[in-house]
Amino acid sequence: MNPLLRRHVLAAGAAGGLLGATAASAQGTPPAPAASPYPSRGPGRGGTDPGPFDAARGRQNPDMVNPPATDHGTLPNLRFSYADAHVRQESGGWTRQITVRELGVSQDIAGVNMRLNSGGIRELHWHKEAEWAYMLYGQARITAIDAEGRQFVDDVGVGDLWYFPGGIPHSIQGLGEDGCEFLLAFDSGSFDEDSTFLISDWFRRVPPEVLGKNFGVPAGNFGNTPSPDELYIFKAPLPGPLANDRMQGVAQVPAAESFSHRMLAQDPIRTKSGTVRITDSSVFKASKTIAAALVEVQPGGMRELHWHPNTNEWQYYIEGEARMGVFAASGQARTFDYRAGDVGYVPFAMGHYIENTGSTTLRFLELFRSDHYADLSLNQWMALTPPQLLQSHLHLSDQVMQALARTKSPVVPA
């Protein structure tokens, strides 16, 4: 246990817990701090926090309450949790979003976390933004057509992706006994899931005689469309076999242009302490505006010090606990803590690392508004710089110089 945290726990115990602390406060003595981190790196730095203090949040964010001595300057907030996002509940499931309104720095990507119950349908719709998805749980059936009138229907499971370009109409339905849950990413931070183009909404905004003329039937056939509020995410019977939904005699989107991709089927980059799977338009042709990496880091391991030379990084933490340190130039640096369900962000070109601080595997997604993935390794850059030039900058020991690696290792061991 961290010595400061241990002293914090002992102090709380010596005060007789919460009741003792409250009584002491009433007598004019400052209450003992709760059993959580507090803003002090040691004697002469910071101090205790008599309160009010949210101990639970403090334990989740120890590096924000008591940041490393290397943190300095001012950076925007680079973390927001889906646990703090509004949940919209419907008959077929629920949804919540993190956009530029929740995470102000994220101008180029917005995220939606959605749950569809068994049979639950995300209504036939489209939107201006492209939609990228990662399946977190269960199975789903996705449908679409492209601009050439070709049909696309597929079943997806955990670790699978889909990508629908802006303007492409599509639907999603939960399968099996318990439906599915997935992450959606859109290539605009100002995306709003309440501003999509819904088929039911359009039907209700077109005069019946116009609908009749369009479909070649009497106008009296229209006027019974349910309210869009009833259909956004609604319950429905489970569909039949996949083959039944793939219409015979209808052109299908070819496999080379598929809107879905099996990310976990890719061979990962393997290191001693983790793996990385990179999926961009070079392996998933349809995904023109979102590139991604699925990173796994073993306990004590770390996503190495690196940066991205092409765009900002949007992260989603699937499993485990982590801390990320971000270097913003001009002496500015800040550390953030993350856990499952959190979104992280790294502005363009800022150096950073992500360390597994838990006792289980850390698994997270890196997303980029780009058609390709690119990163630069600090270690590799130093190894490929003339030694004398490097030494004139950093005055490194021989041990450090000999340890520099010319080959990139995205995840390094403890």
Protein backbone atom coordinates (compact mmCIF):
# COMPACT_ATOMS: atom_id res chain seq x y z
CA MET A 1 0.00 0.00 0.00
CA ASN A 2 1.16 3.52 -0.77
CA PRO A 3 2.64 4.97 2.49
CA LEU A 4 0.48 8.07 2.22
CA LEU A 5 -2.65 6.00 1.70
CA ARG A 6 -1.68 3.73 4.61
CA ARG A 7 -1.29 6.73 6.92
CA HIS A 8 -4.64 7.97 5.65
CA VAL A 9 -6.31 4.66 6.56
CA LEU A 10 -4.63 4.56 9.97
CA ALA A 11 -5.65 8.13 10.66
CA ALA A 12 -9.25 7.32 9.86
CA GLY A 13 -9.14 4.26 12.12
CA ALA A 14 -7.58 6.19 14.98
CA ALA A 15 -10.40 8.68 14.78
CA GLY A 16 -12.94 5.92 15.28
CA GLY A 17 -14.37 5.99 11.77
CA LEU A 18 -16.99 8.34 10.41
CA LEU A 19 -18.88 8.82 13.68
CA GLY A 20 -15.71 9.61 15.58
CA ALA A 21 -14.62 12.05 12.91
CA THR A 22 -18.01 13.78 12.99
CA ALA A 23 -17.89 14.09 16.77
CA ALA A 24 -14.36 15.47 16.65
CA SER A 25 -15.44 18.05 14.09
CA ALA A 26 -18.31 19.13 16.30
CA GLN A 27 -15.80 19.75 19.12
CA GLY A 28 -13.66 21.95 16.88
CA THR A 29 -11.07 19.31 15.92
CA PRO A 30 -10.60 18.71 12.17
CA PRO A 31 -12.05 15.30 11.19
CA ALA A 32 -9.71 12.50 10.18
CA PRO A 33 -9.48 12.08 6.42
CA ALA A 34 -11.33 9.22 4.75
CA ALA A 35 -9.51 6.07 3.66
CA SER A 36 -8.60 7.35 0.21
CA PRO A 37 -5.82 9.35 -1.46
CA TYR A 38 -5.44 12.96 -0.42
CA PRO A 39 -3.50 15.86 -1.93
CA SER A 40 -0.08 15.45 -0.34
CA ARG A 41 3.10 13.90 -1.74
CA GLY A 42 4.79 14.09 1.65
CA PRO A 43 5.89 16.57 4.32
CA GLY A 44 5.85 20.11 3.02
CA ARG A 45 3.72 19.28 -0.03
CA GLY A 46 -0.05 19.66 0.03
CA GLY A 47 -1.95 18.44 3.06
CA THR A 48 -4.97 16.49 4.25
CA ASP A 49 -8.50 17.17 3.03
CA PRO A 50 -10.92 17.58 5.99
CA GLY A 51 -13.82 17.70 3.54
CA PRO A 52 -16.31 17.82 2.03
CA PHE A 53 -14.66 15.03 0.05
CA ASP A 54 -16.02 12.28 -2.22
CA ALA A 55 -13.93 9.36 -0.99
CA ALA A 56 -15.26 6.92 -3.59
CA ARG A 57 -14.33 9.21 -6.48
CA GLY A 58 -11.00 9.93 -4.84
CA ARG A 59 -10.14 6.23 -4.78
CA GLN A 60 -11.03 5.97 -8.46
CA ASN A 61 -8.84 8.96 -9.38
CA PRO A 62 -5.75 8.80 -7.14
CA ASP A 63 -3.50 10.50 -9.70
CA MET A 64 -5.85 13.46 -9.95
CA VAL A 65 -6.24 13.86 -6.19
CA ASN A 66 -2.51 13.42 -5.60
CA PRO A 67 -0.79 13.95 -8.97
CA PRO A 68 2.81 12.94 -9.66
CA ALA A 69 5.41 15.64 -9.03
CA THR A 70 6.06 15.68 -12.78
CA ASP A 71 2.56 17.03 -13.53
CA HIS A 72 2.63 20.73 -14.31
CA GLY A 73 0.61 23.43 -16.02
CA THR A 74 -2.93 23.38 -17.33
CA LEU A 75 -4.48 20.83 -19.69
CA PRO A 76 -8.14 20.39 -20.58
CA ASN A 77 -10.08 17.52 -19.05
CA LEU A 78 -9.18 14.32 -20.91
CA ARG A 79 -11.59 11.92 -19.23
CA PHE A 80 -15.34 11.34 -19.04
CA SER A 81 -17.18 8.25 -17.84
CA TYR A 82 -20.28 6.70 -19.33
CA ALA A 83 -21.32 6.23 -15.70
CA ASP A 84 -21.87 10.01 -15.65
CA ALA A 85 -23.81 10.12 -18.94
CA HIS A 86 -27.60 10.35 -19.24
CA VAL A 87 -29.25 7.00 -20.10
CA ARG A 88 -32.20 7.03 -22.50
CA GLN A 89 -34.41 4.00 -21.79
CA GLU A 90 -36.75 2.52 -24.42
CA SER A 91 -38.82 -0.66 -24.77
CA GLY A 92 -36.04 -2.47 -26.63
CA GLY A 93 -32.99 -1.34 -24.66
CA TRP A 94 -31.08 1.79 -23.68
CA THR A 95 -28.45 4.21 -24.95
CA ARG A 96 -26.09 6.91 -23.67
CA GLN A 97 -23.62 9.19 -25.40
CA ILE A 98 -20.42 11.16 -24.83
CA THR A 99 -20.06 14.04 -27.28
CA VAL A 100 -18.34 17.41 -27.33
CA ARG A 101 -21.01 18.54 -24.86
CA GLU A 102 -19.75 16.06 -22.24
CA LEU A 103 -16.05 15.98 -23.19
CA GLY A 104 -15.34 19.43 -24.55
CA VAL A 105 -11.92 18.65 -26.03
CA SER A 106 -13.33 15.91 -28.30
CA GLN A 107 -14.17 17.88 -31.43
CA ASP A 108 -13.74 15.08 -33.98
CA ILE A 109 -15.26 11.92 -32.44
CA ALA A 110 -18.41 11.27 -30.40
CA GLY A 111 -19.26 7.96 -28.76
CA VAL A 112 -22.50 6.10 -28.01
CA ASN A 113 -22.85 3.07 -25.73
CA MET A 114 -26.00 1.10 -26.63
CA ARG A 115 -27.77 -1.98 -25.29
CA LEU A 116 -30.37 -3.89 -27.31
CA ASN A 117 -32.40 -6.55 -25.54
CA SER A 118 -33.21 -9.84 -27.25
CA GLY A 119 -35.07 -8.82 -30.41
CA GLY A 120 -34.61 -5.12 -29.64
CA ILE A 121 -34.21 -3.00 -32.78
CA ARG A 122 -32.43 0.29 -33.36
CA GLU A 123 -34.86 1.72 -35.88
CA LEU A 124 -34.08 1.91 -39.61
CA HIS A 125 -32.20 5.20 -39.90
CA TRP A 126 -29.21 7.08 -41.27
CA HIS A 127 -27.15 10.10 -40.26
CA LYS A 128 -24.72 12.61 -41.72
CA GLU A 129 -21.80 11.17 -39.78
CA ALA A 130 -20.12 7.83 -40.44
CA GLU A 131 -20.76 5.15 -37.80
CA TRP A 132 -18.03 2.80 -36.53
CA ALA A 133 -18.90 0.09 -34.00
CA TYR A 134 -17.24 -2.45 -31.70
CA MET A 135 -19.31 -5.31 -30.27
CA LEU A 136 -18.87 -5.57 -26.49
CA TYR A 137 -21.36 -8.33 -25.64
CA GLY A 138 -23.74 -10.77 -27.28
CA GLN A 139 -24.79 -10.89 -30.91
CA ALA A 140 -26.56 -8.56 -33.32
CA ARG A 141 -27.88 -8.52 -36.86
CA ILE A 142 -27.03 -5.48 -38.95
CA THR A 143 -28.64 -4.50 -42.25
CA ALA A 144 -27.95 -1.82 -44.85
CA ILE A 145 -27.98 -1.00 -48.54
CA ASP A 146 -25.31 0.95 -50.41
CA ALA A 147 -25.70 3.67 -53.06
CA GLU A 148 -25.58 1.02 -55.81
CA GLY A 149 -28.66 -0.68 -54.39
CA ARG A 150 -26.77 -3.71 -53.07
CA GLN A 151 -28.03 -5.40 -49.91
CA PHE A 152 -25.93 -6.04 -46.81
CA VAL A 153 -27.01 -8.28 -43.91
CA ASP A 154 -24.66 -9.85 -41.36
CA ASP A 155 -24.57 -11.25 -37.84
CA VAL A 156 -21.83 -9.87 -35.57
CA GLY A 157 -20.48 -10.94 -32.18
CA VAL A 158 -17.99 -9.85 -29.52
CA GLY A 159 -14.93 -8.17 -31.03
CA ASP A 160 -16.53 -7.63 -34.43
CA LEU A 161 -16.72 -4.21 -36.08
CA TRP A 162 -19.03 -2.50 -38.49
CA TYR A 163 -18.76 0.76 -40.37
CA PHE A 164 -21.53 2.60 -42.20
CA PRO A 165 -20.47 5.69 -44.17
CA GLY A 166 -22.45 8.87 -43.64
CA GLY A 167 -25.83 8.73 -45.37
CA ILE A 168 -25.99 4.91 -45.61
CA PRO A 169 -29.31 3.62 -44.15
CA HIS A 170 -29.04 0.76 -41.67
CA SER A 171 -30.50 -1.05 -38.67
CA ILE A 172 -29.26 -3.10 -35.69
CA GLN A 173 -31.14 -5.86 -33.85
CA GLY A 174 -30.19 -7.77 -30.71
CA LEU A 175 -30.03 -11.57 -31.15
CA GLY A 176 -30.03 -14.60 -28.87
CA GLU A 177 -31.45 -14.86 -25.38
CA ASP A 178 -29.89 -11.66 -24.07
CA GLY A 179 -29.34 -9.35 -27.02
CA CYS A 180 -26.16 -7.28 -27.23
CA GLU A 181 -24.19 -4.23 -26.16
CA PHE A 182 -21.82 -2.22 -28.33
CA LEU A 183 -19.81 0.96 -28.66
CA LEU A 184 -20.51 3.35 -31.53
CA ALA A 185 -18.10 6.06 -32.66
CA PHE A 186 -19.05 8.88 -35.03
CA ASP A 187 -16.63 11.03 -36.99
CA SER A 188 -17.84 14.31 -35.49
CA GLY A 189 -17.69 15.35 -31.85
CA SER A 190 -20.95 17.29 -32.22
CA PHE A 191 -22.94 14.20 -33.26
CA ASP A 192 -26.23 13.81 -31.37
CA GLU A 193 -28.06 10.47 -31.39
CA ASP A 194 -31.35 12.37 -31.07
CA SER A 195 -30.75 14.03 -34.46
CA THR A 196 -30.67 10.98 -36.74
CA PHE A 197 -32.89 10.52 -39.80
CA LEU A 198 -35.57 7.99 -38.75
CA ILE A 199 -37.73 6.22 -41.34
CA SER A 200 -40.86 6.60 -39.18
CA ASP A 201 -40.20 10.31 -38.68
CA TRP A 202 -39.93 10.89 -42.45
CA PHE A 203 -43.13 8.94 -43.15
CA ARG A 204 -45.02 11.14 -40.69
CA ARG A 205 -43.69 14.33 -42.32
CA VAL A 206 -44.74 13.49 -45.89
CA PRO A 207 -48.36 14.03 -47.04
CA PRO A 208 -50.19 10.70 -47.64
CA GLU A 209 -50.91 11.63 -51.26
CA VAL A 210 -47.18 12.13 -51.87
CA LEU A 211 -46.41 8.76 -50.29
CA GLY A 212 -49.11 7.19 -52.46
CA LYS A 213 -47.65 8.72 -55.61
CA ASN A 214 -44.13 7.61 -54.63
CA PHE A 215 -45.08 3.96 -54.02
CA GLY A 216 -47.82 3.71 -56.63
CA VAL A 217 -50.66 2.88 -54.21
CA PRO A 218 -53.71 4.79 -52.90
CA ALA A 219 -53.00 7.45 -50.26
CA GLY A 220 -55.38 5.69 -47.88
CA ASN A 221 -52.72 3.06 -47.23
CA PHE A 222 -50.78 5.57 -45.13
CA GLY A 223 -51.40 7.41 -41.88
CA ASN A 224 -50.83 4.57 -39.40
CA THR A 225 -47.09 5.03 -38.84
CA PRO A 226 -46.23 4.89 -35.11
CA SER A 227 -44.61 7.88 -33.45
CA PRO A 228 -40.80 7.95 -33.78
CA ASP A 229 -40.71 8.10 -29.97
CA GLU A 230 -42.09 4.55 -29.95
CA LEU A 231 -39.60 3.16 -32.46
CA TYR A 232 -36.20 4.64 -31.64
CA ILE A 233 -35.20 1.43 -29.81
CA PHE A 234 -38.16 -0.94 -29.71
CA LYS A 235 -38.84 -4.58 -28.92
CA ALA A 236 -39.67 -6.99 -31.72
CA PRO A 237 -39.63 -10.74 -32.43
CA LEU A 238 -36.25 -12.30 -33.13
CA PRO A 239 -35.44 -12.61 -36.84
CA GLY A 240 -35.10 -15.94 -38.62
CA PRO A 241 -31.89 -17.45 -39.99
CA LEU A 242 -29.40 -15.06 -41.57
CA ALA A 243 -29.79 -16.73 -44.96
CA ASN A 244 -33.50 -15.87 -44.98
CA ASP A 245 -32.77 -12.14 -44.68
CA ARG A 246 -30.27 -12.23 -47.55
CA MET A 247 -32.68 -11.86 -50.44
CA GLN A 248 -32.33 -14.21 -53.37
CA GLY A 249 -31.74 -12.59 -56.73
CA VAL A 250 -30.61 -9.32 -55.12
CA ALA A 251 -27.06 -8.02 -55.50
CA GLN A 252 -25.11 -8.21 -52.23
CA VAL A 253 -22.32 -5.92 -51.05
CA PRO A 254 -19.18 -7.90 -52.01
CA ALA A 255 -16.94 -9.29 -49.28
CA ALA A 256 -14.09 -6.96 -50.27
CA GLU A 257 -16.35 -3.97 -49.53
CA SER A 258 -18.12 -5.46 -46.49
CA PHE A 259 -19.51 -3.13 -43.84
CA SER A 260 -18.40 -5.60 -41.11
CA HIS A 261 -15.01 -6.90 -39.98
CA ARG A 262 -13.76 -9.59 -37.56
CA MET A 263 -11.18 -7.65 -35.56
CA LEU A 264 -10.30 -10.49 -33.18
CA ALA A 265 -9.49 -12.72 -36.17
CA GLN A 266 -6.53 -10.48 -37.00
CA ASP A 267 -3.08 -11.64 -35.95
CA PRO A 268 -1.98 -9.19 -33.23
CA ILE A 269 1.37 -7.57 -32.62
CA ARG A 270 2.62 -9.57 -29.62
CA THR A 271 5.04 -8.39 -26.94
CA LYS A 272 6.06 -9.81 -23.56
CA SER A 273 3.30 -7.88 -21.79
CA GLY A 274 0.47 -7.48 -24.25
CA THR A 275 -0.97 -7.36 -27.74
CA VAL A 276 -2.12 -4.75 -30.25
CA ARG A 277 -4.52 -5.26 -33.16
CA ILE A 278 -4.65 -2.41 -35.67
CA THR A 279 -7.67 -2.04 -37.95
CA ASP A 280 -7.75 0.75 -40.52
CA SER A 281 -8.74 1.02 -44.17
CA SER A 282 -5.77 -1.13 -45.19
CA VAL A 283 -7.51 -4.19 -43.68
CA PHE A 284 -11.11 -2.94 -43.35
CA LYS A 285 -11.66 -1.16 -46.64
CA ALA A 286 -15.02 0.38 -45.75
CA SER A 287 -13.64 2.24 -42.72
CA LYS A 288 -12.53 5.45 -44.43
CA THR A 289 -12.76 7.89 -41.51
CA ILE A 290 -12.07 5.81 -38.38
CA ALA A 291 -8.86 3.87 -37.69
CA ALA A 292 -8.60 1.78 -34.54
CA ALA A 293 -6.32 -0.27 -32.32
CA LEU A 294 -7.38 -2.80 -29.70
CA VAL A 295 -4.72 -2.84 -26.98
CA GLU A 296 -4.26 -5.42 -24.22
CA VAL A 297 -1.75 -4.80 -21.42
CA GLN A 298 -0.89 -7.31 -18.71
CA PRO A 299 -0.69 -6.19 -15.03
CA GLY A 300 2.28 -3.90 -14.51
CA GLY A 301 2.79 -3.46 -18.26
CA MET A 302 2.53 -0.20 -20.16
CA ARG A 303 1.60 1.15 -23.57
CA GLU A 304 4.96 2.70 -24.32
CA LEU A 305 5.76 6.42 -24.47
CA HIS A 306 4.58 7.48 -27.93
CA TRP A 307 2.54 9.96 -29.92
CA HIS A 308 0.43 10.05 -33.07
CA PRO A 309 1.56 12.25 -35.98
CA ASN A 310 -1.73 12.42 -37.86
CA THR A 311 -4.64 13.20 -35.53
CA ASN A 312 -6.20 13.17 -32.03
CA GLU A 313 -6.78 9.92 -30.11
CA TRP A 314 -10.16 8.94 -28.62
CA GLN A 315 -10.10 6.00 -26.20
CA TYR A 316 -12.65 3.61 -24.73
CA TYR A 317 -11.68 1.45 -21.74
CA ILE A 318 -13.26 -2.00 -21.94
CA GLU A 319 -11.68 -3.76 -18.98
CA GLY A 320 -9.22 -3.12 -16.14
CA GLU A 321 -7.69 -0.01 -14.59
CA ALA A 322 -5.15 2.41 -16.00
CA ARG A 323 -3.44 5.72 -15.65
CA MET A 324 -2.38 7.88 -18.55
CA GLY A 325 0.24 10.60 -18.46
CA VAL A 326 0.04 13.23 -21.22
CA PHE A 327 2.83 15.65 -22.21
CA ALA A 328 1.55 18.81 -23.89
CA ALA A 329 4.85 20.69 -24.52
CA SER A 330 5.91 23.97 -22.87
CA GLY A 331 6.44 22.17 -19.56
CA GLN A 332 2.82 21.01 -19.34
CA ALA A 333 1.87 17.48 -18.29
CA ARG A 334 -1.06 15.85 -16.52
CA THR A 335 -2.04 12.38 -15.32
CA PHE A 336 -5.53 10.83 -15.49
CA ASP A 337 -6.99 7.58 -14.13
CA TYR A 338 -9.33 5.30 -16.09
CA ARG A 339 -11.42 2.20 -15.57
CA ALA A 340 -13.93 0.15 -17.57
CA GLY A 341 -16.58 2.37 -19.18
CA ASP A 342 -14.42 5.50 -19.28
CA VAL A 343 -13.53 7.56 -22.34
CA GLY A 344 -10.07 9.08 -22.65
CA TYR A 345 -8.65 11.60 -25.10
CA VAL A 346 -5.22 12.71 -26.28
CA PRO A 347 -4.99 15.89 -28.39
CA PHE A 348 -3.00 15.75 -31.63
CA ALA A 349 0.73 15.03 -31.32
CA MET A 350 0.85 15.04 -27.50
CA GLY A 351 3.19 12.43 -26.02
CA HIS A 352 1.62 9.92 -23.65
CA TYR A 353 1.79 6.51 -21.98
CA ILE A 354 -0.93 4.22 -20.60
CA GLU A 355 -0.02 2.02 -17.64
CA ASN A 356 -1.96 -0.96 -16.29
CA THR A 357 -2.44 -0.11 -12.60
CA GLY A 358 -4.78 -3.01 -11.82
CA SER A 359 -4.40 -6.73 -11.12
CA THR A 360 -6.13 -7.93 -14.31
CA THR A 361 -5.67 -7.43 -18.04
CA LEU A 362 -6.19 -3.86 -19.24
CA ARG A 363 -8.12 -3.76 -22.52
CA PHE A 364 -8.95 -0.56 -24.37
CA LEU A 365 -9.60 0.87 -27.82
CA GLU A 366 -7.67 3.67 -29.49
CA LEU A 367 -9.73 5.45 -32.17
CA PHE A 368 -8.60 8.06 -34.70
CA ARG A 369 -10.50 10.17 -37.21
CA SER A 370 -8.36 8.98 -40.08
CA ASP A 371 -8.22 6.30 -42.75
CA HIS A 372 -4.91 5.00 -41.37
CA TYR A 373 -3.22 4.30 -38.06
CA ALA A 374 0.14 5.88 -37.25
CA ASP A 375 2.26 6.25 -34.13
CA LEU A 376 5.81 7.21 -33.23
CA SER A 377 7.78 5.46 -30.48
CA LEU A 378 10.00 7.58 -28.23
CA ASN A 379 12.29 4.58 -27.68
CA GLN A 380 12.66 3.85 -31.40
CA TRP A 381 13.23 7.52 -32.26
CA MET A 382 16.02 7.73 -29.71
CA ALA A 383 17.55 4.44 -30.89
CA LEU A 384 17.64 5.68 -34.49
CA THR A 385 19.14 9.07 -33.60
CA PRO A 386 22.96 9.39 -33.80
CA PRO A 387 24.20 8.60 -30.26
CA GLN A 388 26.37 11.69 -29.90
CA LEU A 389 23.49 13.92 -30.94
CA LEU A 390 21.18 12.22 -28.44
CA GLN A 391 23.71 12.42 -25.62
CA SER A 392 24.24 16.12 -26.20
CA HIS A 393 20.54 16.57 -25.36
CA LEU A 394 19.86 14.15 -22.49
CA HIS A 395 23.20 13.13 -20.88
CA LEU A 396 22.07 9.51 -20.56
CA SER A 397 23.96 6.68 -18.87
CA ASP A 398 25.58 3.91 -20.90
CA GLN A 399 22.96 1.50 -19.55
CA VAL A 400 20.13 3.58 -21.01
CA MET A 401 21.92 3.99 -24.34
CA GLN A 402 22.46 0.24 -24.64
CA ALA A 403 18.82 -0.49 -23.76
CA LEU A 404 17.39 1.61 -26.62
CA ALA A 405 15.43 -0.52 -29.09
CA ARG A 406 15.48 0.03 -32.84
CA THR A 407 12.34 -2.08 -33.21
CA LYS A 408 9.07 -0.67 -31.93
CA SER A 409 7.47 -2.50 -28.97
CA PRO A 410 4.03 -0.94 -28.36
CA VAL A 411 3.53 -2.66 -24.98
CA VAL A 412 6.45 -2.88 -22.55
CA PRO A 413 6.73 -5.04 -19.40
CA ALA A 414 6.83 -3.90 -15.79
